């Protein structure tokens, strides 16, 4: 494992921030043999529930590093499975709308081997931390990044002890800024946010109260509340004895200029009143356990990459929590970043490969930020519908249908004219993208050695060549084109080595029986040949060079 043993470097990669995205980055880097040093302000991690709605793609990534089953067990402890997301006037009142009638509605195992689920962010962070540290990562708790300097050879990170104020200087080859919306790393680089800015001064009220009479036994995971007093949403613990209430607006935003300032009065009396109104129980015995003030905004950093420093998660983009896209998007940032950064750190790929992180992730994140804003407006703040609202796009397209564009993707000439997806905005129905370069490689069920597994289980560490039943020439060529330090696996998908239903591979990946695709370590298609080539080794070698930016 690369441990930064080159002269003058304390760690090959330093990660600023040990929250969800920071620990995901460390776990994904460890999967690729790079032991990161994580600088985290808090000791023992955050205990606040925060993000909980984790999407299909995120679960696929957790599956890739071997923690999916542990995450599912944690989810079952804390949440009602398959819970709905609804809108009500209060928990004891009437339902206004079914937003998502069941968490996995429209999802089946032909699309993904995984299921959406709810799990508390602290619970998931702990799992990722254990995974990362077991593989060699180090977490420096009680410390924060105070300053950042870089030159052509390395980054110097000034780290301050939060208790004593003592500072030390860490030298690293690369720095990942995963230190949240108020990122010190981003500010040190002078990178501004672009977007809509702040549209609500919101509060999250953490409380203890017995809401079992109103909610126990109901398959509801998130309840939006819209009434004359406030707009926001509840999320409760499984036993309905505690939870939190997010309040985005108070009063009538159409007539009250202060309605978007829910944080104006955060007294215990006012917070208790809002919990009682939201519950629909005027005399509810509620204890306020904490209040977090935060600004709801939709913004994206102007760039994600600056020399030897990259941004991920809330340091790179901020969005309202509606739809649960924030944490998921950050984890997916980390996954795209990890394999590229690992290959660059090891000297296998040039720094140009790392530059494709910005080209690929920033457009996807910008689109997702706007979709989160659309959900904020339609679910909580309909008074904003007169603004330039992006049309609603289905969750599946946002979760699994995004398409990367960068110099590392071998784009096909007819791609932007394909009606199965929007080649310009970079997303489409994942059931129809069918292996187009830049898209997530489709899931298929395989039979191998008498065991059923997902095709996605072939990805996560290596580059992978997948060839049709009559595409053996591609697999034969793979050993000839292998690059030192890059693992390249090759499979003919048929009823032999990897058995699938008749023609399901050629249909899913839109290739002939002699065609092939090259899939990157992150499970995205880098190149596709629909039919055989007279010079398969040359074609495959060129595709691999492009994917590595050689």
Protein backbone atom coordinates (compact mmCIF):
# COMPACT_ATOMS: atom_id res chain seq x y z
CA UNK A 1 0.00 0.00 0.00
CA UNK A 2 1.25 3.45 -0.90
CA UNK A 3 1.93 5.26 2.37
CA UNK A 4 3.71 8.41 1.26
CA UNK A 5 7.17 7.02 1.95
CA UNK A 6 8.72 9.33 -0.64
CA UNK A 7 11.10 11.90 0.90
CA UNK A 8 9.47 14.84 2.65
CA UNK A 9 5.87 13.54 2.59
CA UNK A 10 3.92 12.58 5.72
CA UNK A 11 1.06 10.88 3.83
CA UNK A 12 0.31 10.36 0.13
CA UNK A 13 -3.14 11.91 0.56
CA UNK A 14 -4.51 14.11 3.34
CA UNK A 15 -8.28 14.46 3.61
CA UNK A 16 -9.65 17.56 5.32
CA UNK A 17 -12.84 16.48 7.06
CA UNK A 18 -13.79 13.11 8.51
CA UNK A 19 -17.53 13.25 7.98
CA UNK A 20 -19.48 11.16 5.49
CA UNK A 21 -17.59 12.25 2.35
CA UNK A 22 -14.19 12.37 4.04
CA UNK A 23 -14.54 8.84 5.42
CA UNK A 24 -15.97 7.59 2.12
CA UNK A 25 -12.93 9.06 0.36
CA UNK A 26 -10.60 7.30 2.79
CA UNK A 27 -12.41 3.98 2.40
CA UNK A 28 -12.45 4.17 -1.39
CA UNK A 29 -8.77 5.16 -1.54
CA UNK A 30 -7.92 2.25 0.76
CA UNK A 31 -9.69 -0.05 -1.69
CA UNK A 32 -7.15 1.11 -4.28
CA UNK A 33 -4.17 0.69 -1.98
CA UNK A 34 -3.67 4.26 -0.76
CA UNK A 35 -3.68 4.94 2.98
CA UNK A 36 -4.96 8.47 3.58
CA UNK A 37 -4.59 10.67 6.64
CA UNK A 38 -7.94 12.18 7.66
CA UNK A 39 -8.00 15.43 9.65
CA UNK A 40 -11.25 15.67 11.60
CA UNK A 41 -12.34 18.40 14.00
CA UNK A 42 -14.71 16.30 16.09
CA UNK A 43 -13.72 13.51 18.44
CA UNK A 44 -15.72 10.31 18.02
CA UNK A 45 -17.71 11.65 15.08
CA UNK A 46 -21.01 13.53 14.97
CA UNK A 47 -23.95 12.07 16.86
CA UNK A 48 -26.59 14.13 15.10
CA UNK A 49 -28.79 12.01 12.76
CA UNK A 50 -28.57 14.24 9.65
CA UNK A 51 -28.59 12.56 6.20
CA UNK A 52 -30.38 9.24 6.10
CA UNK A 53 -31.83 8.63 2.61
CA UNK A 54 -29.24 6.70 0.64
CA UNK A 55 -29.77 6.03 -3.04
CA UNK A 56 -29.22 3.04 -5.29
CA UNK A 57 -25.88 4.20 -6.64
CA UNK A 58 -24.54 4.88 -3.17
CA UNK A 59 -25.54 1.38 -2.06
CA UNK A 60 -23.79 -0.05 -5.13
CA UNK A 61 -20.61 1.73 -4.06
CA UNK A 62 -20.93 0.43 -0.50
CA UNK A 63 -21.45 -3.02 -1.97
CA UNK A 64 -18.23 -2.62 -3.97
CA UNK A 65 -16.17 -2.15 -0.80
CA UNK A 66 -17.91 -4.98 1.05
CA UNK A 67 -20.05 -3.13 3.61
CA UNK A 68 -23.53 -3.30 2.04
CA UNK A 69 -24.79 -6.05 4.35
CA UNK A 70 -23.54 -4.22 7.45
CA UNK A 71 -25.27 -1.04 6.29
CA UNK A 72 -28.51 -2.95 5.69
CA UNK A 73 -28.39 -4.40 9.20
CA UNK A 74 -27.88 -0.93 10.64
CA UNK A 75 -30.80 0.37 8.59
CA UNK A 76 -33.11 -2.35 9.90
CA UNK A 77 -32.25 -1.37 13.47
CA UNK A 78 -33.15 2.29 13.02
CA UNK A 79 -35.86 2.57 10.35
CA UNK A 80 -39.02 1.02 9.02
CA UNK A 81 -38.09 -0.69 5.73
CA UNK A 82 -39.45 0.76 2.51
CA UNK A 83 -40.98 3.73 4.28
CA UNK A 84 -42.97 6.30 2.33
CA UNK A 85 -42.36 10.03 1.98
CA UNK A 86 -45.56 12.03 2.34
CA UNK A 87 -46.82 15.56 2.92
CA UNK A 88 -49.26 16.31 5.79
CA UNK A 89 -50.60 19.35 7.57
CA UNK A 90 -49.39 17.77 10.84
CA UNK A 91 -48.46 14.32 12.07
CA UNK A 92 -51.89 13.99 13.68
CA UNK A 93 -53.66 15.66 10.78
CA UNK A 94 -54.49 14.87 7.19
CA UNK A 95 -52.28 13.71 4.37
CA UNK A 96 -51.81 16.25 1.61
CA UNK A 97 -49.83 14.20 -0.90
CA UNK A 98 -47.95 10.97 -1.48
CA UNK A 99 -44.51 12.15 -2.58
CA UNK A 100 -42.91 8.69 -2.73
CA UNK A 101 -45.44 5.97 -1.77
CA UNK A 102 -42.65 3.49 -1.02
CA UNK A 103 -38.91 4.06 -0.93
CA UNK A 104 -38.13 1.59 -3.73
CA UNK A 105 -41.19 2.12 -5.89
CA UNK A 106 -40.29 1.43 -9.52
CA UNK A 107 -37.08 -0.38 -8.57
CA UNK A 108 -36.54 -4.07 -9.24
CA UNK A 109 -33.54 -6.38 -9.31
CA UNK A 110 -33.18 -6.11 -13.08
CA UNK A 111 -31.99 -2.52 -12.57
CA UNK A 112 -29.67 -2.90 -9.59
CA UNK A 113 -28.68 -5.58 -7.11
CA UNK A 114 -29.25 -3.01 -4.34
CA UNK A 115 -32.19 -1.25 -2.71
CA UNK A 116 -32.55 2.28 -1.43
CA UNK A 117 -32.60 2.52 2.32
CA UNK A 118 -32.51 4.85 5.30
CA UNK A 119 -29.56 4.74 7.69
CA UNK A 120 -28.34 7.45 10.02
CA UNK A 121 -25.32 9.37 8.80
CA UNK A 122 -23.34 8.78 12.04
CA UNK A 123 -23.99 5.05 11.69
CA UNK A 124 -22.74 4.99 8.11
CA UNK A 125 -19.74 7.17 8.93
CA UNK A 126 -18.69 4.71 11.64
CA UNK A 127 -18.88 1.80 9.19
CA UNK A 128 -16.79 3.68 6.63
CA UNK A 129 -14.26 4.71 9.28
CA UNK A 130 -13.81 1.10 10.42
CA UNK A 131 -13.39 0.00 6.82
CA UNK A 132 -10.82 2.68 6.05
CA UNK A 133 -8.73 2.34 9.21
CA UNK A 134 -8.67 -1.45 8.94
CA UNK A 135 -7.04 -0.96 5.53
CA UNK A 136 -4.41 1.47 6.82
CA UNK A 137 -6.03 4.93 6.88
CA UNK A 138 -5.35 7.18 9.89
CA UNK A 139 -7.79 9.60 11.51
CA UNK A 140 -6.36 12.63 13.34
CA UNK A 141 -9.24 13.64 15.61
CA UNK A 142 -9.59 16.97 17.38
CA UNK A 143 -7.75 18.75 14.59
CA UNK A 144 -8.73 21.15 11.85
CA UNK A 145 -7.10 22.50 8.72
CA UNK A 146 -6.01 26.09 9.35
CA UNK A 147 -4.13 26.89 6.15
CA UNK A 148 -3.09 25.34 2.85
CA UNK A 149 -0.04 26.00 0.69
CA UNK A 150 1.02 24.13 -2.43
CA UNK A 151 3.78 24.08 -5.01
CA UNK A 152 4.57 21.85 -7.96
CA UNK A 153 5.79 18.99 -5.75
CA UNK A 154 3.53 18.83 -2.71
CA UNK A 155 0.88 20.42 -0.50
CA UNK A 156 1.64 21.75 2.98
CA UNK A 157 -1.35 21.59 5.32
CA UNK A 158 -1.27 23.57 8.56
CA UNK A 159 -3.26 21.58 11.11
CA UNK A 160 -4.44 23.12 14.38
CA UNK A 161 -5.41 21.23 17.55
CA UNK A 162 -8.92 22.48 18.41
CA UNK A 163 -8.28 22.33 22.17
CA UNK A 164 -4.77 23.68 22.58
CA UNK A 165 -4.44 25.74 19.42
CA UNK A 166 -1.07 24.13 18.74
CA UNK A 167 -0.22 23.87 15.05
CA UNK A 168 1.80 21.43 12.99
CA UNK A 169 2.61 21.22 9.31
CA UNK A 170 1.75 18.12 7.30
CA UNK A 171 3.28 17.51 3.90
CA UNK A 172 1.32 15.49 1.39
CA UNK A 173 1.28 14.71 -2.30
CA UNK A 174 -2.43 15.55 -2.62
CA UNK A 175 -5.12 17.15 -0.48
CA UNK A 176 -8.85 16.37 -0.63
CA UNK A 177 -11.06 19.14 0.74
CA UNK A 178 -14.09 17.38 2.22
CA UNK A 179 -14.50 19.91 5.01
CA UNK A 180 -18.06 21.03 4.39
CA UNK A 181 -19.95 24.01 3.08
CA UNK A 182 -17.67 26.49 4.89
CA UNK A 183 -14.56 24.74 3.59
CA UNK A 184 -11.25 26.19 4.72
CA UNK A 185 -9.63 24.38 1.82
CA UNK A 186 -11.89 25.97 -0.77
CA UNK A 187 -11.42 29.40 0.78
CA UNK A 188 -7.64 28.95 0.81
CA UNK A 189 -7.77 28.27 -2.92
CA UNK A 190 -9.96 31.32 -3.52
CA UNK A 191 -12.64 29.28 -5.29
CA UNK A 192 -16.08 30.94 -5.18
CA UNK A 193 -19.51 29.32 -5.23
CA UNK A 194 -21.84 30.01 -8.16
CA UNK A 195 -25.59 29.46 -8.00
CA UNK A 196 -28.73 30.69 -6.34
CA UNK A 197 -27.19 31.60 -3.00
CA UNK A 198 -29.13 31.48 0.26
CA UNK A 199 -32.92 31.30 0.08
CA UNK A 200 -33.70 30.22 3.64
CA UNK A 201 -32.17 30.55 7.08
CA UNK A 202 -33.36 27.20 8.36
CA UNK A 203 -33.25 25.30 11.63
CA UNK A 204 -33.10 21.65 12.54
CA UNK A 205 -34.73 20.94 15.92
CA UNK A 206 -33.61 17.75 17.66
CA UNK A 207 -36.19 16.63 20.19
CA UNK A 208 -37.46 13.83 22.39
CA UNK A 209 -41.20 13.26 22.51
CA UNK A 210 -43.62 10.34 22.47
CA UNK A 211 -45.17 10.41 18.99
CA UNK A 212 -46.08 6.73 18.96
CA UNK A 213 -49.84 7.46 19.11
CA UNK A 214 -49.54 9.47 15.90
CA UNK A 215 -46.87 7.55 14.00
CA UNK A 216 -45.94 4.10 15.37
CA UNK A 217 -46.66 1.32 12.89
CA UNK A 218 -47.11 3.67 9.95
CA UNK A 219 -44.69 2.98 7.07
CA UNK A 220 -43.57 6.60 6.85
CA UNK A 221 -39.92 7.62 6.77
CA UNK A 222 -40.07 11.34 6.03
CA UNK A 223 -43.11 13.52 6.63
CA UNK A 224 -43.24 16.97 5.05
CA UNK A 225 -45.39 19.40 6.99
CA UNK A 226 -47.05 22.38 5.35
CA UNK A 227 -49.45 24.50 7.37
CA UNK A 228 -50.00 28.20 8.13
CA UNK A 229 -47.32 28.14 10.86
CA UNK A 230 -44.33 26.63 9.03
CA UNK A 231 -43.02 24.53 6.16
CA UNK A 232 -40.49 21.77 6.71
CA UNK A 233 -40.26 18.05 7.45
CA UNK A 234 -39.99 15.47 10.24
CA UNK A 235 -37.83 12.41 10.50
CA UNK A 236 -38.44 10.15 13.47
CA UNK A 237 -36.60 7.30 15.14
CA UNK A 238 -38.10 3.85 14.58
CA UNK A 239 -39.73 3.80 18.04
CA UNK A 240 -41.21 7.29 17.49
CA UNK A 241 -39.74 8.55 20.76
CA UNK A 242 -37.32 11.04 19.24
CA UNK A 243 -36.37 12.65 15.96
CA UNK A 244 -35.76 15.96 14.31
CA UNK A 245 -37.83 18.64 12.62
CA UNK A 246 -36.40 20.79 9.82
CA UNK A 247 -38.09 24.18 9.49
CA UNK A 248 -37.40 26.16 6.30
CA UNK A 249 -40.12 28.81 6.38
CA UNK A 250 -42.39 30.30 9.05
CA UNK A 251 -45.69 32.01 8.43
CA UNK A 252 -46.80 32.88 4.91
CA UNK A 253 -43.82 33.50 2.58
CA UNK A 254 -46.11 35.22 0.09
CA UNK A 255 -46.87 38.08 2.48
CA UNK A 256 -44.21 37.96 5.21
CA UNK A 257 -40.68 39.08 4.19
CA UNK A 258 -39.24 37.30 7.27
CA UNK A 259 -40.84 33.95 6.46
CA UNK A 260 -37.60 32.52 5.09
CA UNK A 261 -35.80 33.34 8.33
CA UNK A 262 -36.84 30.36 10.44
CA UNK A 263 -33.74 30.86 12.60
CA UNK A 264 -34.79 34.31 13.82
CA UNK A 265 -36.08 32.94 17.13
CA UNK A 266 -34.47 29.71 18.37
CA UNK A 267 -35.58 29.92 21.98
CA UNK A 268 -36.64 26.67 23.63
CA UNK A 269 -40.17 28.02 23.84
CA UNK A 270 -40.35 28.73 20.11
CA UNK A 271 -38.75 25.41 19.14
CA UNK A 272 -41.17 23.54 21.40
CA UNK A 273 -44.07 25.41 19.83
CA UNK A 274 -42.99 24.40 16.32
CA UNK A 275 -42.62 20.73 17.29
CA UNK A 276 -46.09 20.77 18.84
CA UNK A 277 -47.65 22.47 15.83
CA UNK A 278 -45.95 20.03 13.47
CA UNK A 279 -47.07 17.09 15.54
CA UNK A 280 -50.61 18.43 15.78
CA UNK A 281 -50.57 17.88 19.54
CA UNK A 282 -50.87 21.25 21.38
CA UNK A 283 -49.85 19.86 24.79
CA UNK A 284 -47.14 17.47 23.57
CA UNK A 285 -44.45 16.87 26.20
CA UNK A 286 -41.39 17.65 24.06
CA UNK A 287 -37.81 18.08 25.20
CA UNK A 288 -35.55 20.10 22.90
CA UNK A 289 -32.19 18.32 22.69
CA UNK A 290 -30.47 20.68 20.30
CA UNK A 291 -30.92 23.23 17.54
CA UNK A 292 -28.77 23.60 14.43
CA UNK A 293 -28.98 26.78 12.38
CA UNK A 294 -28.07 26.47 8.72
CA UNK A 295 -28.58 28.24 5.43
CA UNK A 296 -30.44 26.51 2.63
CA UNK A 297 -28.74 27.27 -0.67
CA UNK A 298 -28.02 25.81 -4.11
CA UNK A 299 -24.45 26.50 -5.17
CA UNK A 300 -21.54 24.77 -6.92
CA UNK A 301 -17.84 25.60 -6.67
CA UNK A 302 -16.48 27.24 -9.79
CA UNK A 303 -13.87 24.51 -10.06
CA UNK A 304 -13.17 21.27 -8.17
CA UNK A 305 -9.48 20.90 -8.94
CA UNK A 306 -6.57 23.24 -8.31
CA UNK A 307 -3.09 21.79 -8.75
CA UNK A 308 -2.68 19.13 -6.10
CA UNK A 309 -5.91 19.96 -4.27
CA UNK A 310 -9.42 18.69 -5.05
CA UNK A 311 -12.83 19.37 -3.50
CA UNK A 312 -15.60 16.90 -2.74
CA UNK A 313 -19.00 16.87 -1.05
CA UNK A 314 -20.35 20.04 0.53
CA UNK A 315 -16.99 21.75 -0.01
CA UNK A 316 -17.76 21.48 -3.73
CA UNK A 317 -21.54 21.87 -3.77
CA UNK A 318 -24.38 22.71 -1.42
CA UNK A 319 -28.06 21.96 -1.92
CA UNK A 320 -31.28 21.73 0.10
CA UNK A 321 -31.87 18.33 1.73
CA UNK A 322 -35.01 17.58 -0.26
CA UNK A 323 -34.56 14.30 -2.11
CA UNK A 324 -31.53 13.34 -0.04
CA UNK A 325 -29.09 14.21 -2.83
CA UNK A 326 -26.41 16.01 -0.82
CA UNK A 327 -24.73 13.12 0.97
CA UNK A 328 -25.24 10.74 -1.93
CA UNK A 329 -23.69 13.15 -4.41
CA UNK A 330 -20.70 13.62 -2.13
CA UNK A 331 -20.12 9.87 -1.80
CA UNK A 332 -20.28 9.56 -5.58
CA UNK A 333 -17.76 12.41 -5.90
CA UNK A 334 -15.43 10.41 -3.68
CA UNK A 335 -15.82 7.27 -5.78
CA UNK A 336 -14.97 8.98 -9.07
CA UNK A 337 -12.05 10.71 -7.37
CA UNK A 338 -10.55 7.73 -5.54
CA UNK A 339 -9.44 5.51 -8.43
CA UNK A 340 -8.04 8.45 -10.37
CA UNK A 341 -6.19 9.87 -7.40
CA UNK A 342 -4.80 6.44 -6.49
CA UNK A 343 -3.37 5.88 -9.97
CA UNK A 344 -1.84 9.36 -10.03
CA UNK A 345 -0.35 8.97 -6.54
CA UNK A 346 1.22 5.67 -7.59
CA UNK A 347 2.69 7.25 -10.71
CA UNK A 348 0.72 4.97 -13.02
CA UNK A 349 -1.34 7.77 -14.57
CA UNK A 350 -0.42 11.42 -15.26
CA UNK A 351 -1.96 14.35 -13.34
CA UNK A 352 -4.18 14.93 -16.40
CA UNK A 353 -6.31 12.00 -15.23
CA UNK A 354 -7.06 13.80 -11.98
CA UNK A 355 -8.15 16.86 -13.97
CA UNK A 356 -10.99 14.79 -15.47
CA UNK A 357 -12.59 14.66 -12.01
CA UNK A 358 -13.78 18.24 -12.43
CA UNK A 359 -14.91 17.66 -16.02
CA UNK A 360 -16.97 14.64 -15.02
CA UNK A 361 -18.38 15.44 -11.61
CA UNK A 362 -19.10 19.18 -11.72
CA UNK A 363 -21.74 19.05 -14.49
CA UNK A 364 -23.41 16.07 -12.81
CA UNK A 365 -23.40 17.85 -9.45
CA UNK A 366 -24.72 21.08 -10.95
CA UNK A 367 -27.65 19.21 -12.45
CA UNK A 368 -28.30 17.42 -9.14
CA UNK A 369 -28.16 20.66 -7.14
CA UNK A 370 -30.85 22.12 -9.39
CA UNK A 371 -33.00 19.01 -9.01
CA UNK A 372 -32.74 19.29 -5.23
CA UNK A 373 -33.86 22.91 -5.51
CA UNK A 374 -36.82 21.87 -7.65
CA UNK A 375 -37.86 19.44 -4.91
CA UNK A 376 -37.38 22.10 -2.24
CA UNK A 377 -39.69 24.48 -4.05
CA UNK A 378 -42.38 21.96 -4.91
CA UNK A 379 -42.41 20.28 -1.47
CA UNK A 380 -41.74 23.13 0.96
CA UNK A 381 -41.68 26.55 -0.72
CA UNK A 382 -44.23 26.70 -3.58
CA UNK A 383 -44.12 30.49 -3.41
CA UNK A 384 -40.82 30.24 -5.34
CA UNK A 385 -42.34 28.52 -8.37
CA UNK A 386 -42.16 31.77 -10.33
CA UNK A 387 -38.36 31.54 -10.34
CA UNK A 388 -36.37 29.75 -13.05
CA UNK A 389 -37.20 26.28 -11.84
CA UNK A 390 -35.57 23.32 -13.60
CA UNK A 391 -38.17 20.75 -14.76
CA UNK A 392 -38.54 17.77 -12.46
CA UNK A 393 -36.46 14.73 -13.49
CA UNK A 394 -37.20 11.28 -12.05
CA UNK A 395 -35.04 10.09 -9.18
CA UNK A 396 -33.75 7.07 -11.10
CA UNK A 397 -32.23 9.28 -13.77
CA UNK A 398 -30.44 11.33 -11.13
CA UNK A 399 -29.27 8.29 -9.17
CA UNK A 400 -28.15 5.98 -11.99
CA UNK A 401 -28.59 7.79 -15.29
CA UNK A 402 -25.90 10.47 -15.22
CA UNK A 403 -23.36 10.37 -18.04
CA UNK A 404 -19.77 11.55 -17.75
CA UNK A 405 -18.08 13.72 -20.35
CA UNK A 406 -14.31 14.15 -20.28
CA UNK A 407 -11.23 13.53 -22.44
CA UNK A 408 -10.95 10.14 -20.70
CA UNK A 409 -14.22 8.92 -22.27
CA UNK A 410 -14.15 7.64 -25.86
CA UNK A 411 -17.33 9.31 -27.12
CA UNK A 412 -19.22 7.80 -30.05
CA UNK A 413 -20.02 10.08 -32.99
CA UNK A 414 -23.80 9.52 -32.98
CA UNK A 415 -24.12 9.88 -29.21
CA UNK A 416 -25.68 13.33 -28.85
CA UNK A 417 -28.40 12.42 -31.33
CA UNK A 418 -29.47 9.33 -29.41
CA UNK A 419 -33.08 9.65 -28.23
CA UNK A 420 -32.53 7.28 -25.30
CA UNK A 421 -30.87 9.97 -23.23
CA UNK A 422 -30.04 13.66 -23.26
CA UNK A 423 -26.49 13.83 -24.55
CA UNK A 424 -26.27 17.56 -23.85
CA UNK A 425 -27.39 17.72 -20.21
CA UNK A 426 -25.76 14.39 -19.42
CA UNK A 427 -28.49 12.19 -18.01
CA UNK A 428 -31.01 9.62 -19.13
CA UNK A 429 -33.19 6.72 -18.08
CA UNK A 430 -30.69 4.08 -16.84
CA UNK A 431 -32.85 1.38 -18.40
CA UNK A 432 -32.20 2.90 -21.82
CA UNK A 433 -28.63 4.25 -21.81
CA UNK A 434 -27.41 0.71 -22.59
CA UNK A 435 -23.69 0.99 -22.04
CA UNK A 436 -23.07 4.22 -23.89
CA UNK A 437 -19.53 5.47 -23.09
CA UNK A 438 -19.66 7.67 -20.01
CA UNK A 439 -22.63 5.86 -18.47
CA UNK A 440 -22.81 3.47 -15.53
CA UNK A 441 -22.23 -0.07 -16.77
CA UNK A 442 -25.61 -1.85 -16.64
CA UNK A 443 -26.32 -4.49 -14.02
CA UNK A 444 -27.03 -8.06 -15.11
CA UNK A 445 -27.35 -11.21 -13.04
CA UNK A 446 -24.55 -13.68 -13.73
CA UNK A 447 -24.09 -17.33 -12.95
CA UNK A 448 -20.49 -18.07 -12.11
CA UNK A 449 -19.22 -21.27 -10.47
CA UNK A 450 -22.77 -22.09 -9.48
CA UNK A 451 -23.31 -18.75 -7.72
CA UNK A 452 -25.56 -15.85 -8.70
CA UNK A 453 -23.88 -12.46 -8.66
CA UNK A 454 -24.26 -9.04 -10.22
CA UNK A 455 -22.13 -7.94 -13.13
CA UNK A 456 -21.42 -4.86 -11.01
CA UNK A 457 -19.46 -7.15 -8.68
CA UNK A 458 -16.79 -7.45 -11.38
CA UNK A 459 -16.02 -3.74 -11.02
CA UNK A 460 -14.54 -1.62 -8.24
CA UNK A 461 -10.80 -2.21 -8.46
CA UNK A 462 -9.73 -3.18 -12.01
CA UNK A 463 -10.33 -2.04 -15.54
CA UNK A 464 -12.56 -4.70 -17.06
CA UNK A 465 -13.09 -5.81 -20.66
CA UNK A 466 -16.49 -7.37 -21.27
CA UNK A 467 -16.91 -9.10 -24.63
CA UNK A 468 -19.88 -10.74 -26.29
CA UNK A 469 -20.19 -14.52 -26.69
CA UNK A 470 -18.22 -14.46 -29.96
CA UNK A 471 -15.80 -11.72 -28.88
CA UNK A 472 -12.97 -13.91 -27.67
CA UNK A 473 -10.45 -11.89 -29.69
CA UNK A 474 -10.96 -8.96 -27.32
CA UNK A 475 -10.22 -11.11 -24.28
CA UNK A 476 -7.17 -12.61 -25.99
CA UNK A 477 -5.87 -9.10 -26.70
CA UNK A 478 -6.23 -7.87 -23.13
CA UNK A 479 -2.91 -9.29 -21.81
CA UNK A 480 -1.08 -7.66 -24.72
CA UNK A 481 -2.29 -4.15 -23.89
CA UNK A 482 -1.99 -4.21 -20.10
CA UNK A 483 -0.26 -1.15 -18.62
CA UNK A 484 2.25 -1.65 -15.77
CA UNK A 485 0.52 -0.94 -12.46
CA UNK A 486 -2.99 -1.17 -13.96
CA UNK A 487 -4.95 -4.36 -13.51
CA UNK A 488 -6.98 -5.34 -16.58
CA UNK A 489 -9.45 -8.22 -16.33
CA UNK A 490 -11.26 -9.65 -19.37
CA UNK A 491 -14.38 -11.80 -19.65
CA UNK A 492 -16.43 -13.25 -22.47
CA UNK A 493 -20.02 -13.02 -21.33
CA UNK A 494 -21.82 -16.17 -22.44
CA UNK A 495 -23.07 -19.40 -20.96
CA UNK A 496 -19.57 -20.52 -20.03
CA UNK A 497 -17.33 -18.46 -17.80
CA UNK A 498 -20.02 -15.88 -17.04
CA UNK A 499 -23.48 -17.20 -17.83
CA UNK A 500 -26.32 -14.80 -18.58
CA UNK A 501 -29.75 -15.16 -20.15
CA UNK A 502 -29.72 -15.40 -23.95
CA UNK A 503 -28.70 -12.09 -25.56
CA UNK A 504 -29.12 -10.15 -22.31
CA UNK A 505 -25.54 -8.86 -22.40
CA UNK A 506 -25.65 -7.74 -26.02
CA UNK A 507 -29.02 -6.09 -25.39
CA UNK A 508 -27.99 -4.38 -22.14
CA UNK A 509 -24.71 -3.03 -23.57
CA UNK A 510 -25.92 -2.43 -27.14
CA UNK A 511 -23.17 -4.51 -28.77
CA UNK A 512 -23.17 -7.43 -31.19
CA UNK A 513 -22.03 -10.90 -30.21
CA UNK A 514 -18.52 -9.88 -31.33
CA UNK A 515 -18.51 -6.48 -29.61
CA UNK A 516 -16.93 -5.37 -26.34
CA UNK A 517 -16.78 -2.59 -23.75
CA UNK A 518 -14.04 -1.29 -21.48
CA UNK A 519 -15.29 -0.53 -17.97
CA UNK A 520 -13.31 1.68 -15.58
CA UNK A 521 -12.64 0.84 -11.92
CA UNK A 522 -15.59 3.04 -10.92
CA UNK A 523 -17.98 0.94 -13.02
CA UNK A 524 -18.45 3.47 -15.82
CA UNK A 525 -18.05 2.56 -19.48
CA UNK A 526 -14.95 4.19 -20.95
CA UNK A 527 -15.17 2.80 -24.50
CA UNK A 528 -17.33 0.55 -26.63
CA UNK A 529 -16.87 -1.41 -29.84
CA UNK A 530 -20.22 -2.62 -31.10
CA UNK A 531 -18.62 -5.17 -33.42
CA UNK A 532 -15.35 -7.01 -33.92
CA UNK A 533 -12.16 -5.21 -34.94
CA UNK A 534 -9.55 -6.39 -37.42
CA UNK A 535 -6.93 -5.19 -34.94
CA UNK A 536 -8.47 -5.73 -31.48
CA UNK A 537 -5.21 -5.21 -29.59
CA UNK A 538 -4.65 -1.80 -31.22
CA UNK A 539 -8.25 -0.71 -30.59
CA UNK A 540 -8.21 -1.83 -26.98
CA UNK A 541 -4.77 -0.30 -26.32
CA UNK A 542 -5.94 3.06 -27.67
CA UNK A 543 -9.07 2.92 -25.49
CA UNK A 544 -7.03 2.16 -22.38
CA UNK A 545 -4.59 4.98 -23.13
CA UNK A 546 -7.50 7.39 -23.45
CA UNK A 547 -9.08 6.18 -20.21
CA UNK A 548 -5.78 6.72 -18.38
CA UNK A 549 -5.02 10.03 -20.15
CA UNK A 550 -1.70 8.62 -21.37
